[in-house]
Amino acid sequence: MGHPDRLLLLTRRLPLGYPFSLRTKRPGNLIEEERVAKRTVVTMPGDGIGKVVLPESLRVLDAVGFEADYVHGDIGWDFWISEANALPDRTIKLLEKHKIGLFGAITSKPKDKADAELAPDLRGKGHVYYSPIVGMRQHFDLDICIRPCKSFPGNPLNFIRRKNGGFEEPVVDVVIFRQNTEGLYVGVEWTNPPDAVRKAFETHKKFAPFKNVPGEDLAISSRIFTRNACRRICKAGFEHAKQFGYKSVTVCEKPNVIRETSGMLMQEAKKLAKEYQGIALWDTNIDAQMMWLTKNPEDYGVIVSGNMFGDIVSDGFAGLVGGLGFACSANIGRDVAVFEPTHGSAPKYEKLDPPIVNPIAMILSACMMLDHIGEGKKAKRIQDAVAAVVAEGAVRTYDMMKLTGGPDVFKKGAATTAQMTDAIIANL
């Protein structure tokens, strides 16, 4: 279903209003590469294994002939501890200047643990930890998040199911378009909400059961959708489906319960569907979708969701194609774009020597960056090299061998992080 090279073409057709300063449209509605000046890319390893996998992606970029200057951007837990700011202004200025970022991983902890780990001279001064990747998305309005989940033939982690006494391996080829800047992740929330906030909530009849709850026992998080953002993410999904031959766009939300916000996203999708004849509009509830994705994942193509549910469903589909070690993503704004694997920082693996973690998600994220800036041929070569390594099966990291992570995995035949990168480079 769809274009075989879609994984690395994901950013070639962005929603209307996004600049294509490095690309030109040719007859036949194709976008061809142009010669571009040497790039500067802001590299933000972040925390944990982000410091391990991001350098591996740079090795691959060098090997494929991508010429760029890389400037380091400070981000993550160390800077929260020492500066009470996990996304320093100096890093924001680097992204404002250079427009393109590669990001590794971030550690986030609950409020009480974040406060406890602050440097002593910073405690008790009203500092609040806020996820730097979420802050980055909101600061630069990186509202279009694209998360491809495509199975590589030969991956032992691919989803299989029983059929007629045997097994079959359905081809999974799903792209999640996640609204990246609104919803529950905007951070408009309170414990012990101010009187004005509380009075506003008390005007809603559904708030009646909470009217007499003491403020210190009441926490409120708001889910904010805007019509324009709903339309933009739906437009992005439909454009992608049209460009690459997907037969359906599925809105995955919960409009039967979260009627206003999920309902607005669905309303905008229905309006847009009239402009895309031949592309079916489906809708699923997030809870049911998480069940169906293990029953008939091959039926789905493009999925559009708000921030929270997009996060959930993309991790669910990633589990069908090898897990988070294969899950790449793009955060696209009008002027700035940041590319990242969707896995976490896994700090327990950071200091293992040699490293054991799978670098493929980070490498594929770098491929998405290449395609975005008009280097699609190099991106395609890397994708083909990854596919070849996976299909050959001679080099597999511990996760691909279904081993419990630890320093003993090499005795059982697992490749190091560097050996996986070496194999991909060799296949270039």
Protein backbone atom coordinates (compact mmCIF):
# COMPACT_ATOMS: atom_id res chain seq x y z
CA MET A 1 0.00 0.00 0.00
CA GLY A 2 1.60 3.24 -1.11
CA HIS A 3 5.10 4.28 -2.14
CA PRO A 4 7.92 1.84 -1.25
CA ASP A 5 10.35 4.62 -0.33
CA ARG A 6 7.89 6.60 1.76
CA LEU A 7 9.84 6.39 4.99
CA LEU A 8 12.40 8.89 3.73
CA LEU A 9 10.04 11.01 1.67
CA LEU A 10 7.83 11.97 4.56
CA THR A 11 8.66 15.65 4.62
CA ARG A 12 8.58 16.30 0.90
CA ARG A 13 4.98 17.40 0.85
CA LEU A 14 4.27 19.51 3.89
CA PRO A 15 1.07 21.45 4.51
CA LEU A 16 0.46 24.64 2.62
CA GLY A 17 2.31 27.55 4.12
CA TYR A 18 5.61 25.73 4.71
CA PRO A 19 8.59 27.12 2.80
CA PHE A 20 10.50 25.03 0.28
CA SER A 21 13.54 27.29 0.13
CA LEU A 22 15.87 24.45 -0.76
CA ARG A 23 13.61 22.65 -3.24
CA THR A 24 11.77 23.35 -6.45
CA LYS A 25 8.61 21.86 -7.87
CA ARG A 26 9.02 20.39 -11.33
CA PRO A 27 6.49 19.23 -13.93
CA GLY A 28 4.60 16.18 -12.71
CA ASN A 29 4.46 17.62 -9.20
CA LEU A 30 7.80 16.08 -8.25
CA ILE A 31 10.26 17.80 -5.97
CA GLU A 32 13.86 17.42 -7.09
CA GLU A 33 17.08 18.04 -5.23
CA GLU A 34 19.11 21.17 -5.77
CA ARG A 35 22.72 21.85 -4.99
CA VAL A 36 22.82 23.52 -1.60
CA ALA A 37 25.50 25.29 0.36
CA LYS A 38 27.18 23.49 3.23
CA ARG A 39 24.71 23.14 6.07
CA THR A 40 25.02 23.85 9.76
CA VAL A 41 23.08 21.41 11.93
CA VAL A 42 22.44 21.92 15.64
CA THR A 43 23.15 18.63 17.42
CA MET A 44 21.47 18.14 20.79
CA PRO A 45 22.40 14.74 22.27
CA GLY A 46 20.48 15.45 25.47
CA ASP A 47 20.42 12.76 28.13
CA GLY A 48 21.20 9.08 28.54
CA ILE A 49 21.52 7.12 25.33
CA GLY A 50 20.93 10.27 23.30
CA LYS A 51 24.64 10.89 23.92
CA VAL A 52 25.36 7.44 22.48
CA VAL A 53 23.17 7.25 19.38
CA LEU A 54 23.45 10.78 18.02
CA PRO A 55 27.21 10.48 17.29
CA GLU A 56 26.48 7.21 15.47
CA SER A 57 24.06 9.00 13.15
CA LEU A 58 26.74 11.59 12.38
CA ARG A 59 29.13 8.79 11.39
CA VAL A 60 26.57 7.56 8.88
CA LEU A 61 25.95 11.07 7.55
CA ASP A 62 29.68 11.51 7.04
CA ALA A 63 29.96 8.14 5.30
CA VAL A 64 27.16 8.94 2.85
CA GLY A 65 28.90 12.16 1.86
CA PHE A 66 26.71 14.70 3.60
CA GLU A 67 28.81 17.80 4.23
CA ALA A 68 27.79 19.86 7.21
CA ASP A 69 29.09 21.77 10.17
CA TYR A 70 27.70 20.52 13.47
CA VAL A 71 27.26 22.84 16.43
CA HIS A 72 26.45 21.46 19.86
CA GLY A 73 23.30 22.59 21.63
CA ASP A 74 22.96 22.25 25.40
CA ILE A 75 19.73 20.58 26.45
CA GLY A 76 18.52 18.18 29.11
CA TRP A 77 18.65 17.16 32.71
CA ASP A 78 22.17 18.38 33.49
CA PHE A 79 21.12 21.92 32.62
CA TRP A 80 17.97 21.67 34.69
CA ILE A 81 20.09 20.71 37.68
CA SER A 82 22.73 23.39 37.19
CA GLU A 83 20.69 26.22 35.65
CA ALA A 84 17.02 25.40 36.39
CA ASN A 85 16.49 25.45 32.63
CA ALA A 86 16.57 22.26 30.56
CA LEU A 87 16.35 24.29 27.32
CA PRO A 88 18.83 27.16 27.68
CA ASP A 89 18.31 30.35 25.68
CA ARG A 90 21.65 29.81 23.93
CA THR A 91 20.32 26.62 22.35
CA ILE A 92 17.14 28.37 21.22
CA LYS A 93 19.31 31.02 19.56
CA LEU A 94 21.29 28.34 17.72
CA LEU A 95 18.10 26.85 16.31
CA GLU A 96 16.79 30.28 15.37
CA LYS A 97 19.97 30.86 13.41
CA HIS A 98 20.53 27.47 11.75
CA LYS A 99 16.91 26.18 11.44
CA ILE A 100 17.75 22.44 11.52
CA GLY A 101 18.30 20.28 14.59
CA LEU A 102 19.13 16.65 15.39
CA PHE A 103 18.00 15.64 18.85
CA GLY A 104 18.86 12.52 20.85
CA ALA A 105 16.77 11.87 23.96
CA ILE A 106 15.60 13.54 27.10
CA THR A 107 15.11 12.55 30.73
CA SER A 108 11.97 13.87 32.39
CA LYS A 109 11.00 13.26 35.99
CA PRO A 110 7.95 14.11 38.14
CA LYS A 111 7.78 17.47 39.85
CA ASP A 112 8.98 16.32 43.29
CA LYS A 113 12.04 14.52 41.90
CA ALA A 114 12.86 17.41 39.59
CA ASP A 115 12.78 19.84 42.52
CA ALA A 116 14.91 17.55 44.68
CA GLU A 117 17.68 17.31 42.07
CA LEU A 118 18.08 21.06 41.54
CA ALA A 119 21.35 22.57 42.68
CA PRO A 120 20.91 23.66 46.32
CA ASP A 121 21.21 27.37 45.52
CA LEU A 122 18.34 27.08 43.01
CA ARG A 123 15.81 25.32 45.20
CA GLY A 124 12.81 27.11 46.65
CA LYS A 125 12.90 29.89 44.05
CA GLY A 126 9.82 28.91 42.09
CA HIS A 127 11.56 27.09 39.26
CA VAL A 128 9.36 24.55 37.45
CA TYR A 129 10.72 21.75 35.29
CA TYR A 130 9.19 21.62 31.84
CA SER A 131 10.08 19.12 29.14
CA PRO A 132 12.60 20.82 26.84
CA ILE A 133 11.44 18.98 23.73
CA VAL A 134 7.86 20.11 24.40
CA GLY A 135 9.17 23.62 25.04
CA MET A 136 11.12 23.52 21.78
CA ARG A 137 8.04 22.44 19.83
CA GLN A 138 5.97 25.25 21.28
CA HIS A 139 8.61 27.96 20.98
CA PHE A 140 9.18 27.26 17.28
CA ASP A 141 5.61 26.15 16.57
CA LEU A 142 6.78 22.72 15.39
CA ASP A 143 3.16 21.74 15.03
CA ILE A 144 3.45 18.90 12.50
CA CYS A 145 4.91 15.75 14.02
CA ILE A 146 5.43 12.88 11.58
CA ARG A 147 6.10 9.39 12.93
CA PRO A 148 6.50 6.60 10.37
CA CYS A 149 6.09 2.99 11.48
CA LYS A 150 7.20 0.73 8.64
CA SER A 151 8.35 -2.85 8.98
CA PHE A 152 11.71 -3.92 7.53
CA PRO A 153 11.66 -7.42 5.99
CA GLY A 154 13.70 -9.83 8.05
CA ASN A 155 13.40 -7.96 11.33
CA PRO A 156 12.90 -10.61 14.01
CA LEU A 157 10.93 -8.06 16.05
CA ASN A 158 8.23 -7.59 13.41
CA PHE A 159 4.68 -8.40 14.47
CA ILE A 160 3.36 -11.84 13.58
CA ARG A 161 -0.04 -13.45 14.18
CA ARG A 162 -1.53 -16.91 14.03
CA LYS A 163 -3.37 -18.01 10.92
CA ASN A 164 -4.66 -21.45 9.89
CA GLY A 165 -2.44 -23.26 12.36
CA GLY A 166 0.63 -21.28 11.31
CA PHE A 167 1.87 -17.72 11.38
CA GLU A 168 1.82 -14.74 9.08
CA GLU A 169 3.68 -11.43 9.16
CA PRO A 170 1.51 -8.56 7.94
CA VAL A 171 3.26 -5.63 6.28
CA VAL A 172 2.93 -2.60 8.54
CA ASP A 173 3.20 0.75 6.77
CA VAL A 174 1.63 3.46 8.91
CA VAL A 175 2.42 7.14 9.28
CA ILE A 176 1.11 8.97 12.33
CA PHE A 177 0.51 12.71 12.00
CA ARG A 178 0.48 14.01 15.54
CA GLN A 179 -0.59 17.57 16.40
CA ASN A 180 2.51 18.63 18.26
CA THR A 181 1.84 21.89 20.08
CA GLU A 182 -1.62 21.72 21.67
CA GLY A 183 -3.69 19.27 23.71
CA LEU A 184 -2.67 18.15 27.16
CA TYR A 185 1.00 18.87 26.52
CA VAL A 186 0.62 22.66 26.55
CA GLY A 187 1.15 22.62 30.32
CA VAL A 188 -1.81 24.78 31.32
CA GLU A 189 -2.43 23.07 34.64
CA TRP A 190 -2.63 23.71 38.34
CA THR A 191 -2.56 22.04 41.71
CA ASN A 192 -4.64 24.20 44.05
CA PRO A 193 -5.92 26.29 41.14
CA PRO A 194 -6.33 30.08 41.63
CA ASP A 195 -9.77 31.37 42.55
CA ALA A 196 -10.41 32.76 39.07
CA VAL A 197 -9.65 29.39 37.49
CA ARG A 198 -11.74 27.53 40.00
CA LYS A 199 -14.71 29.85 39.55
CA ALA A 200 -14.50 29.43 35.79
CA PHE A 201 -14.63 25.67 36.14
CA GLU A 202 -17.51 25.90 38.58
CA THR A 203 -19.64 27.45 35.81
CA HIS A 204 -19.70 24.01 34.15
CA LYS A 205 -22.29 21.64 35.55
CA LYS A 206 -19.94 18.68 35.24
CA PHE A 207 -17.68 20.28 37.84
CA ALA A 208 -20.32 19.93 40.56
CA PRO A 209 -18.81 16.76 42.18
CA PHE A 210 -15.55 18.66 42.77
CA LYS A 211 -17.02 21.87 44.12
CA ASN A 212 -16.19 21.14 47.75
CA VAL A 213 -12.79 19.52 47.20
CA PRO A 214 -10.09 21.56 49.01
CA GLY A 215 -7.76 23.37 46.65
CA GLU A 216 -4.66 21.55 47.83
CA ASP A 217 -6.39 18.26 46.96
CA LEU A 218 -7.41 19.36 43.46
CA ALA A 219 -5.26 19.19 40.32
CA ILE A 220 -6.48 20.38 36.92
CA SER A 221 -4.88 19.86 33.51
CA SER A 222 -6.50 21.51 30.50
CA ARG A 223 -6.76 20.02 27.00
CA ILE A 224 -6.67 22.84 24.46
CA PHE A 225 -7.40 22.43 20.74
CA THR A 226 -7.75 25.22 18.19
CA ARG A 227 -9.60 24.91 14.91
CA ASN A 228 -6.69 26.19 12.85
CA ALA A 229 -4.26 23.65 14.31
CA CYS A 230 -6.79 20.85 13.83
CA ARG A 231 -7.18 21.79 10.21
CA ARG A 232 -3.43 22.00 9.63
CA ILE A 233 -2.67 18.53 10.99
CA CYS A 234 -5.59 17.00 9.08
CA LYS A 235 -4.45 18.78 5.92
CA ALA A 236 -0.96 17.39 6.38
CA GLY A 237 -2.33 13.87 6.74
CA PHE A 238 -4.55 14.08 3.68
CA GLU A 239 -1.78 15.61 1.56
CA HIS A 240 0.54 12.78 2.54
CA ALA A 241 -2.07 10.16 1.72
CA LYS A 242 -2.65 11.76 -1.67
CA GLN A 243 1.06 12.05 -2.44
CA PHE A 244 1.94 8.45 -1.60
CA GLY A 245 -1.15 6.49 -2.48
CA TYR A 246 -2.64 5.70 0.90
CA LYS A 247 -6.28 4.73 0.68
CA SER A 248 -7.43 6.07 4.04
CA VAL A 249 -6.88 8.71 6.70
CA THR A 250 -7.94 7.67 10.20
CA VAL A 251 -8.66 10.20 12.93
CA CYS A 252 -7.77 8.48 16.20
CA GLU A 253 -9.28 10.32 19.15
CA LYS A 254 -12.09 9.88 21.72
CA PRO A 255 -15.00 12.10 20.57
CA ASN A 256 -17.64 9.99 22.33
CA VAL A 257 -16.22 11.15 25.68
CA ILE A 258 -13.92 14.12 25.04
CA ARG A 259 -16.57 15.69 22.89
CA GLU A 260 -15.37 19.24 22.37
CA THR A 261 -11.67 18.78 21.58
CA SER A 262 -11.75 15.40 19.83
CA GLY A 263 -14.98 16.52 18.19
CA MET A 264 -13.31 19.62 16.71
CA LEU A 265 -10.53 17.53 15.15
CA MET A 266 -13.07 15.19 13.63
CA GLN A 267 -15.16 18.09 12.31
CA GLU A 268 -12.19 19.55 10.46
CA ALA A 269 -11.24 16.15 9.05
CA LYS A 270 -14.76 15.73 7.65
CA LYS A 271 -14.61 19.12 5.97
CA LEU A 272 -11.27 18.34 4.36
CA ALA A 273 -12.28 14.84 3.27
CA LYS A 274 -14.58 16.41 0.67
CA GLU A 275 -11.48 17.79 -1.08
CA TYR A 276 -9.77 14.38 -1.32
CA GLN A 277 -11.95 12.11 -3.37
CA GLY A 278 -10.80 8.51 -3.29
CA ILE A 279 -9.28 8.74 0.20
CA ALA A 280 -11.57 7.26 2.82
CA LEU A 281 -11.95 9.01 6.16
CA TRP A 282 -12.11 6.62 9.09
CA ASP A 283 -12.34 7.37 12.79
CA THR A 284 -11.35 5.22 15.73
CA ASN A 285 -11.36 5.66 19.49
CA ILE A 286 -7.88 5.49 20.94
CA ASP A 287 -8.72 2.59 23.26
CA ALA A 288 -10.22 0.50 20.46
CA GLN A 289 -7.36 1.43 18.14
CA MET A 290 -4.84 -0.01 20.58
CA MET A 291 -6.70 -3.31 20.38
CA TRP A 292 -7.16 -3.28 16.60
CA LEU A 293 -3.55 -2.45 15.80
CA THR A 294 -2.60 -6.00 16.78
CA LYS A 295 -5.52 -7.50 14.86
CA ASN A 296 -5.35 -5.78 11.48
CA PRO A 297 -2.44 -3.28 11.37
CA GLU A 298 -2.09 -3.63 7.60
CA ASP A 299 -5.49 -1.95 7.15
CA TYR A 300 -4.23 1.43 8.35
CA GLY A 301 -2.26 4.03 6.44
CA VAL A 302 -2.24 7.62 7.63
CA ILE A 303 -3.41 8.26 11.19
CA VAL A 304 -4.12 11.76 12.55
CA SER A 305 -4.33 12.44 16.28
CA GLY A 306 -3.96 15.12 18.89
CA ASN A 307 -0.83 15.34 20.98
CA MET A 308 -1.46 12.77 23.71
CA PHE A 309 -3.24 10.15 21.63
CA GLY A 310 -0.75 10.59 18.79
CA ASP A 311 2.02 9.86 21.25
CA ILE A 312 0.25 6.72 22.42
CA VAL A 313 -0.76 5.29 19.05
CA SER A 314 2.65 5.93 17.48
CA ASP A 315 4.37 3.98 20.25
CA GLY A 316 1.82 1.22 19.78
CA PHE A 317 2.52 0.89 16.07
CA ALA A 318 6.27 1.21 16.69
CA GLY A 319 5.98 -1.94 18.77
CA LEU A 320 4.81 -3.80 15.66
CA VAL A 321 7.86 -2.86 13.58
CA GLY A 322 10.68 -3.50 16.01
CA GLY A 323 10.05 -1.21 18.93
CA LEU A 324 11.43 2.19 19.72
CA GLY A 325 14.84 1.20 18.36
CA PHE A 326 13.31 1.66 14.91
CA ALA A 327 11.01 4.62 15.59
CA CYS A 328 12.06 7.92 14.00
CA SER A 329 10.21 11.23 13.82
CA ALA A 330 10.17 14.76 12.49
CA ASN A 331 8.96 17.95 14.18
CA ILE A 332 8.22 20.44 11.42
CA GLY A 333 7.50 24.15 11.71
CA ARG A 334 7.41 27.04 9.27
CA ASP A 335 11.08 27.91 9.74
CA VAL A 336 12.64 25.32 12.04
CA ALA A 337 12.64 21.51 11.94
CA VAL A 338 13.98 19.10 14.55
CA PHE A 339 14.43 15.36 13.97
CA GLU A 340 14.55 12.79 16.76
CA PRO A 341 14.06 9.13 17.63
CA THR A 342 10.99 8.61 19.79
CA HIS A 343 12.70 6.42 22.37
CA GLY A 344 13.57 7.70 25.81
CA SER A 345 16.93 8.36 27.39
CA ALA A 346 17.31 4.89 29.03
CA PRO A 347 19.99 6.20 31.41
CA LYS A 348 20.85 2.73 32.72
CA TYR A 349 22.42 1.95 29.34
CA GLU A 350 24.31 5.21 28.85
CA LYS A 351 27.52 4.23 30.60
CA LEU A 352 27.82 0.64 29.38
CA ASP A 353 31.14 0.21 27.62
CA PRO A 354 30.88 -0.74 24.84
CA PRO A 355 27.36 0.61 24.28
CA ILE A 356 24.62 -1.90 23.47
CA VAL A 357 21.72 0.26 22.27
CA ASN A 358 20.22 0.17 18.79
CA PRO A 359 21.14 3.32 16.79
CA ILE A 360 18.74 2.70 13.89
CA ALA A 361 15.95 5.03 15.10
CA MET A 362 18.43 7.89 15.39
CA ILE A 363 19.94 7.08 11.98
CA LEU A 364 16.51 7.02 10.35
CA SER A 365 15.69 10.35 12.01
CA ALA A 366 18.82 11.75 10.38
CA CYS A 367 17.51 10.37 7.09
CA MET A 368 14.28 12.30 7.55
CA MET A 369 16.40 15.41 8.08
CA LEU A 370 18.30 14.74 4.84
CA ASP A 371 15.12 14.44 2.87
CA HIS A 372 13.67 17.59 4.41
CA ILE A 373 16.65 19.69 3.30
CA GLY A 374 16.71 18.29 -0.23
CA GLU A 375 19.22 15.46 0.16
CA GLY A 376 16.80 12.66 -0.64
CA LYS A 377 19.26 10.56 -2.64
CA LYS A 378 21.62 10.31 0.32
CA ALA A 379 18.67 9.53 2.59
CA LYS A 380 17.56 6.74 0.26
CA ARG A 381 21.02 5.20 0.27
CA ILE A 382 21.05 5.09 4.07
CA GLN A 383 17.57 3.60 4.24
CA ASP A 384 18.56 0.91 1.76
CA ALA A 385 21.68 0.15 3.80
CA VAL A 386 19.62 -0.20 7.00
CA ALA A 387 17.18 -2.50 5.19
CA ALA A 388 20.05 -4.62 3.89
CA VAL A 389 21.59 -5.05 7.36
CA VAL A 390 18.23 -6.00 8.85
CA ALA A 391 17.49 -8.47 6.05
CA GLU A 392 20.93 -10.10 6.25
CA GLY A 393 20.55 -10.67 9.98
CA ALA A 394 24.26 -11.12 10.61
CA VAL A 395 24.48 -8.02 12.82
CA ARG A 396 21.80 -7.54 15.44
CA THR A 397 21.70 -5.44 18.59
CA TYR A 398 20.45 -6.94 21.83
CA ASP A 399 16.87 -5.74 21.33
CA MET A 400 16.72 -7.43 17.92
CA MET A 401 17.83 -10.66 19.61
CA LYS A 402 15.16 -10.27 22.29
CA LEU A 403 17.73 -10.20 25.07
CA THR A 404 17.54 -8.39 28.38
CA GLY A 405 19.87 -5.43 28.22
CA GLY A 406 23.16 -5.66 30.07
CA PRO A 407 26.92 -6.05 29.56
CA ASP A 408 26.62 -9.81 29.02
CA VAL A 409 24.62 -9.54 25.77
CA PHE A 410 27.79 -9.68 23.67
CA LYS A 411 28.51 -13.19 24.91
CA LYS A 412 25.17 -14.17 23.37
CA GLY A 413 26.05 -12.73 19.98
CA ALA A 414 24.63 -9.21 20.18
CA ALA A 415 26.36 -6.44 18.26
CA THR A 416 27.58 -3.27 19.89
CA THR A 417 26.07 0.06 18.93
CA ALA A 418 29.16 0.86 16.90
CA GLN A 419 29.12 -2.51 15.13
CA MET A 420 25.56 -1.89 13.95
CA THR A 421 26.63 1.50 12.61
CA ASP A 422 29.67 -0.09 10.96
CA ALA A 423 27.45 -2.63 9.21
CA ILE A 424 25.16 0.10 7.89
CA ILE A 425 28.14 2.10 6.63
CA ALA A 426 29.57 -1.01 4.96
CA ASN A 427 26.30 -1.49 3.09
CA LEU A 428 26.46 2.04 1.71
